[in-house]
Amino acid sequence: MAMNLVLDFGNTRIKLGLFNKDSLIQSKCYNSVNELLTDLNLFPKLTHCFICSVTPQHELVLEQLKKLANTILFSAQTNLPIQNCYKSNVTLGSDRIAASVGSFCLYPNQNVLTIDAGTCIKYNFVNSQNQFIGGAISPGIAMRLKSMQENTAALPLVKIDLNYNQLVGENTNQSLLSGALIGTACEIEQMIARYKLNYENLQVVLTGGDADYLSKQLKNRFFTNPIIIIQGLNNILNYNIEKQN
C-alpha cells in the first residue's frame, strides 16, 4: 500500500493529510511543530512525503521526515499538472499553487477562482486552458483587526467574534468587528463579481480558516472545501511519482 503524507506549513497552523494514493485517510491541524513531531511516529508505513511551507518551520522536521519516507520539499522547480504562468514564479507561495491544483482537479478545463481565507486572503485563478495566471492578496480578518490596533493611538485590539453579523456597530468594538468581518465579506463578494464579469462560467472554491464564517455571509454560489490545499499537494505528489516511474 502506497501511503502519502502531505504537510502544509502555513503562517498560523500546520495542516496534515494522510492519503492512500488519492483517497484521504486522515487530516489534522497542529498549532505547533512540537505537536506534529509527537505524531510523526504514528505513521510508520509511509512511502512518500510532500512538504509545502511558507515559513522556515518545516526545517525543524525535515530530517525526521526523510528517515520515514521519500521526502520532497515543494519549490518553484516542482513539476505541476497545470501550467504556471505567474511572472514572479520564485516568490509565488507554494500554498497558492497547491490550492489551485486542488481546485483544478475538481474543475479541469474550466475557469476556477480559489479563495483561501486565512492569515491573508489569497485569490488564485486558473483559466480554462489550465494555466495558473495569478490573483490577489489582501489582509485576513485577524490581520485587519491587529493592524487597526497597532497603527492607531486609541483603537483597541478586538478578539474575533465569528458570531458577529451586525452591519452597524453600536460601539467601538462592534464597529471594528463590522469593518473587519462584514468588510471582508463585501470584499470577497465584489472580487467574485468582477472575476465573473471577465471570465465566463467561473467556478469558485472557498477554503481557509475563516471559510465557514464567510460562506454564511456571501451570496454567491461556490464550493467550500477546508482541505483543498492538502488535496492539491497530494495531487502534485502523485503527479511527480508518476513522472518518475
C-alpha atoms as a PDB file:
ATOM      1  CA  MET A   1       0.000   0.000   0.000  1.00  0.00           C
ATOM      2  CA  ALA A   2       1.453   3.366  -1.084  1.00  0.00           C
ATOM      3  CA  MET A   3       0.952   5.881   1.709  1.00  0.00           C
ATOM      4  CA  ASN A   4       1.429   9.612   1.113  1.00  0.00           C
ATOM      5  CA  LEU A   5       1.901  12.152   3.896  1.00  0.00           C
ATOM      6  CA  VAL A   6       1.437  15.795   2.868  1.00  0.00           C
ATOM      7  CA  LEU A   7       2.141  18.771   5.126  1.00  0.00           C
ATOM      8  CA  ASP A   8       1.171  22.401   4.695  1.00  0.00           C
ATOM      9  CA  PHE A   9       3.152  24.738   6.958  1.00  0.00           C
ATOM     10  CA  GLY A  10       1.058  27.906   6.997  1.00  0.00           C
ATOM     11  CA  ASN A  11       1.582  31.184   8.823  1.00  0.00           C
ATOM     12  CA  THR A  12      -0.780  30.162  11.632  1.00  0.00           C
ATOM     13  CA  ARG A  13      -1.192  26.374  11.600  1.00  0.00           C
ATOM     14  CA  ILE A  14       0.280  23.185  10.173  1.00  0.00           C
ATOM     15  CA  LYS A  15      -2.129  21.005   8.199  1.00  0.00           C
ATOM     16  CA  LEU A  16      -1.526  17.288   7.645  1.00  0.00           C
ATOM     17  CA  GLY A  17      -3.099  14.858   5.218  1.00  0.00           C
ATOM     18  CA  LEU A  18      -2.557  11.098   5.038  1.00  0.00           C
ATOM     19  CA  PHE A  19      -3.529   9.524   1.714  1.00  0.00           C
ATOM     20  CA  ASN A  20      -3.652   6.073   0.183  1.00  0.00           C
ATOM     21  CA  LYS A  21      -2.819   7.312  -3.325  1.00  0.00           C
ATOM     22  CA  ASP A  22      -5.898   9.541  -3.996  1.00  0.00           C
ATOM     23  CA  SER A  23      -8.033   8.563  -1.005  1.00  0.00           C
ATOM     24  CA  LEU A  24      -7.821  10.733   2.107  1.00  0.00           C
ATOM     25  CA  ILE A  25      -7.454   8.578   5.219  1.00  0.00           C
ATOM     26  CA  GLN A  26      -6.841  11.262   7.823  1.00  0.00           C
ATOM     27  CA  SER A  27      -6.490  15.038   8.090  1.00  0.00           C
ATOM     28  CA  LYS A  28      -5.349  17.031  11.095  1.00  0.00           C
ATOM     29  CA  CYS A  29      -4.259  20.538  12.116  1.00  0.00           C
ATOM     30  CA  TYR A  30      -1.465  21.446  14.526  1.00  0.00           C
ATOM     31  CA  ASN A  31      -0.730  24.677  16.335  1.00  0.00           C
ATOM     32  CA  SER A  32       2.990  23.954  16.738  1.00  0.00           C
ATOM     33  CA  VAL A  33       5.863  21.903  15.323  1.00  0.00           C
ATOM     34  CA  ASN A  34       6.182  20.061  18.660  1.00  0.00           C
ATOM     35  CA  GLU A  35       2.623  18.738  18.308  1.00  0.00           C
ATOM     36  CA  LEU A  36       3.454  17.473  14.820  1.00  0.00           C
ATOM     37  CA  LEU A  37       6.714  15.851  15.948  1.00  0.00           C
ATOM     38  CA  THR A  38       4.823  13.899  18.600  1.00  0.00           C
ATOM     39  CA  ASP A  39       2.513  12.444  15.954  1.00  0.00           C
ATOM     40  CA  LEU A  40       5.085  11.603  13.280  1.00  0.00           C
ATOM     41  CA  ASN A  41       5.915   8.267  14.877  1.00  0.00           C
ATOM     42  CA  LEU A  42       2.283   7.234  14.344  1.00  0.00           C
ATOM     43  CA  PHE A  43       2.906   7.000  10.584  1.00  0.00           C
ATOM     44  CA  PRO A  44       5.450   4.142  10.239  1.00  0.00           C
ATOM     45  CA  LYS A  45       4.350   2.810   6.809  1.00  0.00           C
ATOM     46  CA  LEU A  46       4.855   5.937   4.730  1.00  0.00           C
ATOM     47  CA  THR A  47       6.257   5.720   1.203  1.00  0.00           C
ATOM     48  CA  HIS A  48       6.244   9.404   0.210  1.00  0.00           C
ATOM     49  CA  CYS A  49       6.108  12.742   1.993  1.00  0.00           C
ATOM     50  CA  PHE A  50       5.463  16.123   0.387  1.00  0.00           C
ATOM     51  CA  ILE A  51       6.003  19.437   2.204  1.00  0.00           C
ATOM     52  CA  CYS A  52       4.574  22.835   1.327  1.00  0.00           C
ATOM     53  CA  SER A  53       5.790  25.687   3.532  1.00  0.00           C
ATOM     54  CA  VAL A  54       5.545  29.476   3.669  1.00  0.00           C
ATOM     55  CA  THR A  55       7.624  29.615   6.883  1.00  0.00           C
ATOM     56  CA  PRO A  56      11.025  28.162   7.956  1.00  0.00           C
ATOM     57  CA  GLN A  57       9.291  25.853  10.471  1.00  0.00           C
ATOM     58  CA  HIS A  58       9.432  22.850   8.156  1.00  0.00           C
ATOM     59  CA  GLU A  59      13.215  22.753   8.670  1.00  0.00           C
ATOM     60  CA  LEU A  60      12.616  21.510  12.234  1.00  0.00           C
ATOM     61  CA  VAL A  61      11.020  18.275  10.987  1.00  0.00           C
ATOM     62  CA  LEU A  62      12.632  17.776   7.569  1.00  0.00           C
ATOM     63  CA  GLU A  63      15.389  15.382   8.679  1.00  0.00           C
ATOM     64  CA  GLN A  64      12.996  13.213  10.666  1.00  0.00           C
ATOM     65  CA  LEU A  65      10.622  13.003   7.707  1.00  0.00           C
ATOM     66  CA  LYS A  66      13.452  11.925   5.413  1.00  0.00           C
ATOM     67  CA  LYS A  67      14.035   8.956   7.727  1.00  0.00           C
ATOM     68  CA  LEU A  68      10.380   7.925   7.412  1.00  0.00           C
ATOM     69  CA  ALA A  69       9.825   8.257   3.663  1.00  0.00           C
ATOM     70  CA  ASN A  70      10.991   9.621   0.327  1.00  0.00           C
ATOM     71  CA  THR A  71      10.519  13.343   1.041  1.00  0.00           C
ATOM     72  CA  ILE A  72      10.026  16.197  -1.436  1.00  0.00           C
ATOM     73  CA  LEU A  73      10.030  19.875  -0.490  1.00  0.00           C
ATOM     74  CA  PHE A  74       7.772  21.905  -2.793  1.00  0.00           C
ATOM     75  CA  SER A  75       9.734  24.526  -4.745  1.00  0.00           C
ATOM     76  CA  ALA A  76       9.498  26.612  -7.912  1.00  0.00           C
ATOM     77  CA  GLN A  77      11.122  23.691  -9.775  1.00  0.00           C
ATOM     78  CA  THR A  78       8.494  21.095  -8.736  1.00  0.00           C
ATOM     79  CA  ASN A  79       6.591  19.589 -11.666  1.00  0.00           C
ATOM     80  CA  LEU A  80       2.919  20.604 -11.788  1.00  0.00           C
ATOM     81  CA  PRO A  81      -0.178  19.182 -13.522  1.00  0.00           C
ATOM     82  CA  ILE A  82      -1.082  22.753 -14.562  1.00  0.00           C
ATOM     83  CA  GLN A  83       0.959  25.369 -16.410  1.00  0.00           C
ATOM     84  CA  ASN A  84       2.390  28.044 -14.117  1.00  0.00           C
ATOM     85  CA  CYS A  85       2.254  31.411 -15.921  1.00  0.00           C
ATOM     86  CA  TYR A  86       2.962  33.553 -12.858  1.00  0.00           C
ATOM     87  CA  LYS A  87       5.589  36.141 -13.792  1.00  0.00           C
ATOM     88  CA  SER A  88       7.456  36.089 -10.460  1.00  0.00           C
ATOM     89  CA  ASN A  89       7.498  32.340 -10.012  1.00  0.00           C
ATOM     90  CA  VAL A  90      10.229  32.303  -7.347  1.00  0.00           C
ATOM     91  CA  THR A  91       8.172  34.496  -4.992  1.00  0.00           C
ATOM     92  CA  LEU A  92       4.924  32.583  -5.511  1.00  0.00           C
ATOM     93  CA  GLY A  93       3.664  30.950  -2.321  1.00  0.00           C
ATOM     94  CA  SER A  94       3.512  27.171  -2.702  1.00  0.00           C
ATOM     95  CA  ASP A  95       0.191  27.154  -0.820  1.00  0.00           C
ATOM     96  CA  ARG A  96      -1.364  29.260  -3.591  1.00  0.00           C
ATOM     97  CA  ILE A  97      -0.345  26.772  -6.270  1.00  0.00           C
ATOM     98  CA  ALA A  98      -1.413  23.799  -4.118  1.00  0.00           C
ATOM     99  CA  ALA A  99      -4.882  25.287  -3.582  1.00  0.00           C
ATOM    100  CA  SER A 100      -5.173  25.978  -7.307  1.00  0.00           C
ATOM    101  CA  VAL A 101      -4.169  22.420  -8.251  1.00  0.00           C
ATOM    102  CA  GLY A 102      -6.729  21.040  -5.801  1.00  0.00           C
ATOM    103  CA  SER A 103      -9.457  23.122  -7.453  1.00  0.00           C
ATOM    104  CA  PHE A 104      -8.182  22.317 -10.957  1.00  0.00           C
ATOM    105  CA  CYS A 105      -8.591  18.594 -10.217  1.00  0.00           C
ATOM    106  CA  LEU A 106     -12.226  19.282  -9.284  1.00  0.00           C
ATOM    107  CA  TYR A 107     -12.894  21.526 -12.300  1.00  0.00           C
ATOM    108  CA  PRO A 108     -10.409  20.751 -15.126  1.00  0.00           C
ATOM    109  CA  ASN A 109     -10.635  22.836 -18.312  1.00  0.00           C
ATOM    110  CA  GLN A 110     -12.718  25.490 -16.545  1.00  0.00           C
ATOM    111  CA  ASN A 111     -12.133  28.969 -15.153  1.00  0.00           C
ATOM    112  CA  VAL A 112     -11.608  28.463 -11.406  1.00  0.00           C
ATOM    113  CA  LEU A 113     -11.091  31.048  -8.670  1.00  0.00           C
ATOM    114  CA  THR A 114      -9.803  29.601  -5.385  1.00  0.00           C
ATOM    115  CA  ILE A 115     -10.140  31.896  -2.366  1.00  0.00           C
ATOM    116  CA  ASP A 116      -8.015  30.968   0.640  1.00  0.00           C
ATOM    117  CA  ALA A 117      -9.297  32.970   3.632  1.00  0.00           C
ATOM    118  CA  GLY A 118      -6.595  32.561   6.259  1.00  0.00           C
ATOM    119  CA  THR A 119      -3.930  34.845   7.716  1.00  0.00           C
ATOM    120  CA  CYS A 120      -4.053  36.599   4.346  1.00  0.00           C
ATOM    121  CA  ILE A 121      -6.861  36.275   1.821  1.00  0.00           C
ATOM    122  CA  LYS A 122      -5.426  34.821  -1.359  1.00  0.00           C
ATOM    123  CA  TYR A 123      -7.283  34.859  -4.672  1.00  0.00           C
ATOM    124  CA  ASN A 124      -5.823  32.253  -7.018  1.00  0.00           C
ATOM    125  CA  PHE A 125      -7.024  31.975 -10.620  1.00  0.00           C
ATOM    126  CA  VAL A 126      -6.642  29.105 -13.091  1.00  0.00           C
ATOM    127  CA  ASN A 127      -8.149  29.671 -16.547  1.00  0.00           C
ATOM    128  CA  SER A 128      -9.934  27.194 -18.807  1.00  0.00           C
ATOM    129  CA  GLN A 129      -6.607  26.375 -20.506  1.00  0.00           C
ATOM    130  CA  ASN A 130      -5.424  25.017 -17.125  1.00  0.00           C
ATOM    131  CA  GLN A 131      -2.970  27.885 -16.651  1.00  0.00           C
ATOM    132  CA  PHE A 132      -2.297  29.460 -13.274  1.00  0.00           C
ATOM    133  CA  ILE A 133      -2.339  33.192 -14.028  1.00  0.00           C
ATOM    134  CA  GLY A 134      -2.156  34.743 -10.561  1.00  0.00           C
ATOM    135  CA  GLY A 135      -4.688  36.647  -8.493  1.00  0.00           C
ATOM    136  CA  ALA A 136      -4.574  38.940  -5.481  1.00  0.00           C
ATOM    137  CA  ILE A 137      -3.568  39.025  -1.810  1.00  0.00           C
ATOM    138  CA  SER A 138      -5.187  41.100   0.937  1.00  0.00           C
ATOM    139  CA  PRO A 139      -5.168  41.099   4.768  1.00  0.00           C
ATOM    140  CA  GLY A 140      -7.177  38.423   6.563  1.00  0.00           C
ATOM    141  CA  ILE A 141      -9.725  39.183   9.284  1.00  0.00           C
ATOM    142  CA  ALA A 142      -7.330  38.821  12.254  1.00  0.00           C
ATOM    143  CA  MET A 143      -4.672  40.874  10.451  1.00  0.00           C
ATOM    144  CA  ARG A 144      -7.153  43.695   9.835  1.00  0.00           C
ATOM    145  CA  LEU A 145      -8.113  43.872  13.487  1.00  0.00           C
ATOM    146  CA  LYS A 146      -4.489  43.738  14.616  1.00  0.00           C
ATOM    147  CA  SER A 147      -3.402  46.373  12.098  1.00  0.00           C
ATOM    148  CA  MET A 148      -6.039  48.842  13.256  1.00  0.00           C
ATOM    149  CA  GLN A 149      -4.850  48.499  16.865  1.00  0.00           C
ATOM    150  CA  GLU A 150      -1.133  48.696  16.009  1.00  0.00           C
ATOM    151  CA  ASN A 151      -1.384  51.643  13.639  1.00  0.00           C
ATOM    152  CA  THR A 152      -3.589  53.924  15.715  1.00  0.00           C
ATOM    153  CA  ALA A 153      -3.200  55.569  19.097  1.00  0.00           C
ATOM    154  CA  ALA A 154      -6.599  54.788  20.586  1.00  0.00           C
ATOM    155  CA  LEU A 155      -8.230  51.787  18.933  1.00  0.00           C
ATOM    156  CA  PRO A 156      -8.233  48.541  20.966  1.00  0.00           C
ATOM    157  CA  LEU A 157      -7.340  45.042  19.799  1.00  0.00           C
ATOM    158  CA  VAL A 158     -10.645  43.231  19.434  1.00  0.00           C
ATOM    159  CA  LYS A 159     -10.915  39.453  19.560  1.00  0.00           C
ATOM    160  CA  ILE A 160     -12.588  37.914  16.529  1.00  0.00           C
ATOM    161  CA  ASP A 161     -16.232  37.009  17.189  1.00  0.00           C
ATOM    162  CA  LEU A 162     -17.403  34.824  14.312  1.00  0.00           C
ATOM    163  CA  ASN A 163     -20.981  35.067  15.602  1.00  0.00           C
ATOM    164  CA  TYR A 164     -20.998  38.812  14.931  1.00  0.00           C
ATOM    165  CA  ASN A 165     -23.062  39.810  11.888  1.00  0.00           C
ATOM    166  CA  GLN A 166     -24.272  43.369  12.556  1.00  0.00           C
ATOM    167  CA  LEU A 167     -23.764  45.850   9.755  1.00  0.00           C
ATOM    168  CA  VAL A 168     -23.899  48.866  12.067  1.00  0.00           C
ATOM    169  CA  GLY A 169     -21.556  48.726  15.055  1.00  0.00           C
ATOM    170  CA  GLU A 170     -23.087  50.429  18.093  1.00  0.00           C
ATOM    171  CA  ASN A 171     -19.787  50.920  19.934  1.00  0.00           C
ATOM    172  CA  THR A 172     -16.082  50.955  19.019  1.00  0.00           C
ATOM    173  CA  ASN A 173     -15.543  47.227  19.460  1.00  0.00           C
ATOM    174  CA  GLN A 174     -18.565  46.413  17.316  1.00  0.00           C
ATOM    175  CA  SER A 175     -17.509  48.969  14.711  1.00  0.00           C
ATOM    176  CA  LEU A 176     -14.101  47.300  14.430  1.00  0.00           C
ATOM    177  CA  LEU A 177     -15.740  43.882  14.099  1.00  0.00           C
ATOM    178  CA  SER A 178     -18.149  45.155  11.461  1.00  0.00           C
ATOM    179  CA  GLY A 179     -15.322  46.715   9.463  1.00  0.00           C
ATOM    180  CA  ALA A 180     -13.151  43.602   9.618  1.00  0.00           C
ATOM    181  CA  LEU A 181     -15.796  40.881   9.288  1.00  0.00           C
ATOM    182  CA  ILE A 182     -18.513  42.407   7.121  1.00  0.00           C
ATOM    183  CA  GLY A 183     -15.896  44.391   5.208  1.00  0.00           C
ATOM    184  CA  THR A 184     -14.013  41.184   4.343  1.00  0.00           C
ATOM    185  CA  ALA A 185     -17.207  39.503   3.168  1.00  0.00           C
ATOM    186  CA  CYS A 186     -18.040  42.510   0.977  1.00  0.00           C
ATOM    187  CA  GLU A 187     -14.532  42.487  -0.489  1.00  0.00           C
ATOM    188  CA  ILE A 188     -14.788  38.829  -1.433  1.00  0.00           C
ATOM    189  CA  GLU A 189     -18.291  39.307  -2.844  1.00  0.00           C
ATOM    190  CA  GLN A 190     -17.083  42.081  -5.127  1.00  0.00           C
ATOM    191  CA  MET A 191     -13.933  40.211  -6.159  1.00  0.00           C
ATOM    192  CA  ILE A 192     -16.056  37.241  -7.244  1.00  0.00           C
ATOM    193  CA  ALA A 193     -18.397  39.575  -9.139  1.00  0.00           C
ATOM    194  CA  ARG A 194     -15.506  41.188 -11.009  1.00  0.00           C
ATOM    195  CA  TYR A 195     -13.986  37.841 -11.949  1.00  0.00           C
ATOM    196  CA  LYS A 196     -17.376  36.735 -13.267  1.00  0.00           C
ATOM    197  CA  LEU A 197     -17.531  39.815 -15.464  1.00  0.00           C
ATOM    198  CA  ASN A 198     -14.203  38.866 -17.039  1.00  0.00           C
ATOM    199  CA  TYR A 199     -14.386  35.058 -17.115  1.00  0.00           C
ATOM    200  CA  GLU A 200     -17.472  33.121 -18.136  1.00  0.00           C
ATOM    201  CA  ASN A 201     -18.702  30.007 -16.342  1.00  0.00           C
ATOM    202  CA  LEU A 202     -16.491  30.759 -13.359  1.00  0.00           C
ATOM    203  CA  GLN A 203     -16.217  28.116 -10.625  1.00  0.00           C
ATOM    204  CA  VAL A 204     -15.396  29.408  -7.125  1.00  0.00           C
ATOM    205  CA  VAL A 205     -13.818  27.367  -4.323  1.00  0.00           C
ATOM    206  CA  LEU A 206     -13.542  28.809  -0.797  1.00  0.00           C
ATOM    207  CA  THR A 207     -11.093  27.439   1.765  1.00  0.00           C
ATOM    208  CA  GLY A 208      -9.046  28.573   4.789  1.00  0.00           C
ATOM    209  CA  GLY A 209      -9.631  29.076   8.494  1.00  0.00           C
ATOM    210  CA  ASP A 210     -12.312  31.752   8.048  1.00  0.00           C
ATOM    211  CA  ALA A 211     -14.141  29.979   5.202  1.00  0.00           C
ATOM    212  CA  ASP A 212     -17.026  28.689   7.339  1.00  0.00           C
ATOM    213  CA  TYR A 213     -17.883  32.161   8.621  1.00  0.00           C
ATOM    214  CA  LEU A 214     -17.540  33.807   5.220  1.00  0.00           C
ATOM    215  CA  SER A 215     -19.593  31.162   3.437  1.00  0.00           C
ATOM    216  CA  LYS A 216     -22.570  32.166   5.610  1.00  0.00           C
ATOM    217  CA  GLN A 217     -22.105  35.842   4.737  1.00  0.00           C
ATOM    218  CA  LEU A 218     -21.629  35.552   0.979  1.00  0.00           C
ATOM    219  CA  LYS A 219     -24.479  35.464  -1.516  1.00  0.00           C
ATOM    220  CA  ASN A 220     -22.512  33.920  -4.380  1.00  0.00           C
ATOM    221  CA  ARG A 221     -22.758  30.198  -5.063  1.00  0.00           C
ATOM    222  CA  PHE A 222     -19.473  28.370  -4.541  1.00  0.00           C
ATOM    223  CA  PHE A 223     -17.938  25.181  -3.199  1.00  0.00           C
ATOM    224  CA  THR A 224     -16.412  25.271   0.283  1.00  0.00           C
ATOM    225  CA  ASN A 225     -13.567  22.812   0.844  1.00  0.00           C
ATOM    226  CA  PRO A 226     -11.454  23.152   4.024  1.00  0.00           C
ATOM    227  CA  ILE A 227      -8.794  20.689   2.814  1.00  0.00           C
ATOM    228  CA  ILE A 228      -8.324  21.804  -0.796  1.00  0.00           C
ATOM    229  CA  ILE A 229      -4.644  22.670  -0.175  1.00  0.00           C
ATOM    230  CA  ILE A 230      -3.673  19.246   1.165  1.00  0.00           C
ATOM    231  CA  GLN A 231      -5.672  17.585  -1.616  1.00  0.00           C
ATOM    232  CA  GLY A 232      -3.800  19.730  -4.114  1.00  0.00           C
ATOM    233  CA  LEU A 233      -0.487  18.791  -2.526  1.00  0.00           C
ATOM    234  CA  ASN A 234      -1.343  15.121  -2.816  1.00  0.00           C
ATOM    235  CA  ASN A 235      -2.290  15.622  -6.477  1.00  0.00           C
ATOM    236  CA  ILE A 236       1.087  17.268  -7.125  1.00  0.00           C
ATOM    237  CA  LEU A 237       2.900  14.489  -5.263  1.00  0.00           C
ATOM    238  CA  ASN A 238       1.147  11.749  -7.250  1.00  0.00           C
ATOM    239  CA  TYR A 239       1.886  13.626 -10.482  1.00  0.00           C
ATOM    240  CA  ASN A 240       5.604  13.670  -9.637  1.00  0.00           C
ATOM    241  CA  ILE A 241       5.603   9.990  -8.587  1.00  0.00           C
ATOM    242  CA  GLU A 242       4.048   9.052 -11.960  1.00  0.00           C
ATOM    243  CA  LYS A 243       6.642  11.092 -13.852  1.00  0.00           C
ATOM    244  CA  GLN A 244       9.442   9.220 -12.013  1.00  0.00           C
ATOM    245  CA  ASN A 245       8.024   5.798 -12.961  1.00  0.00           C
END
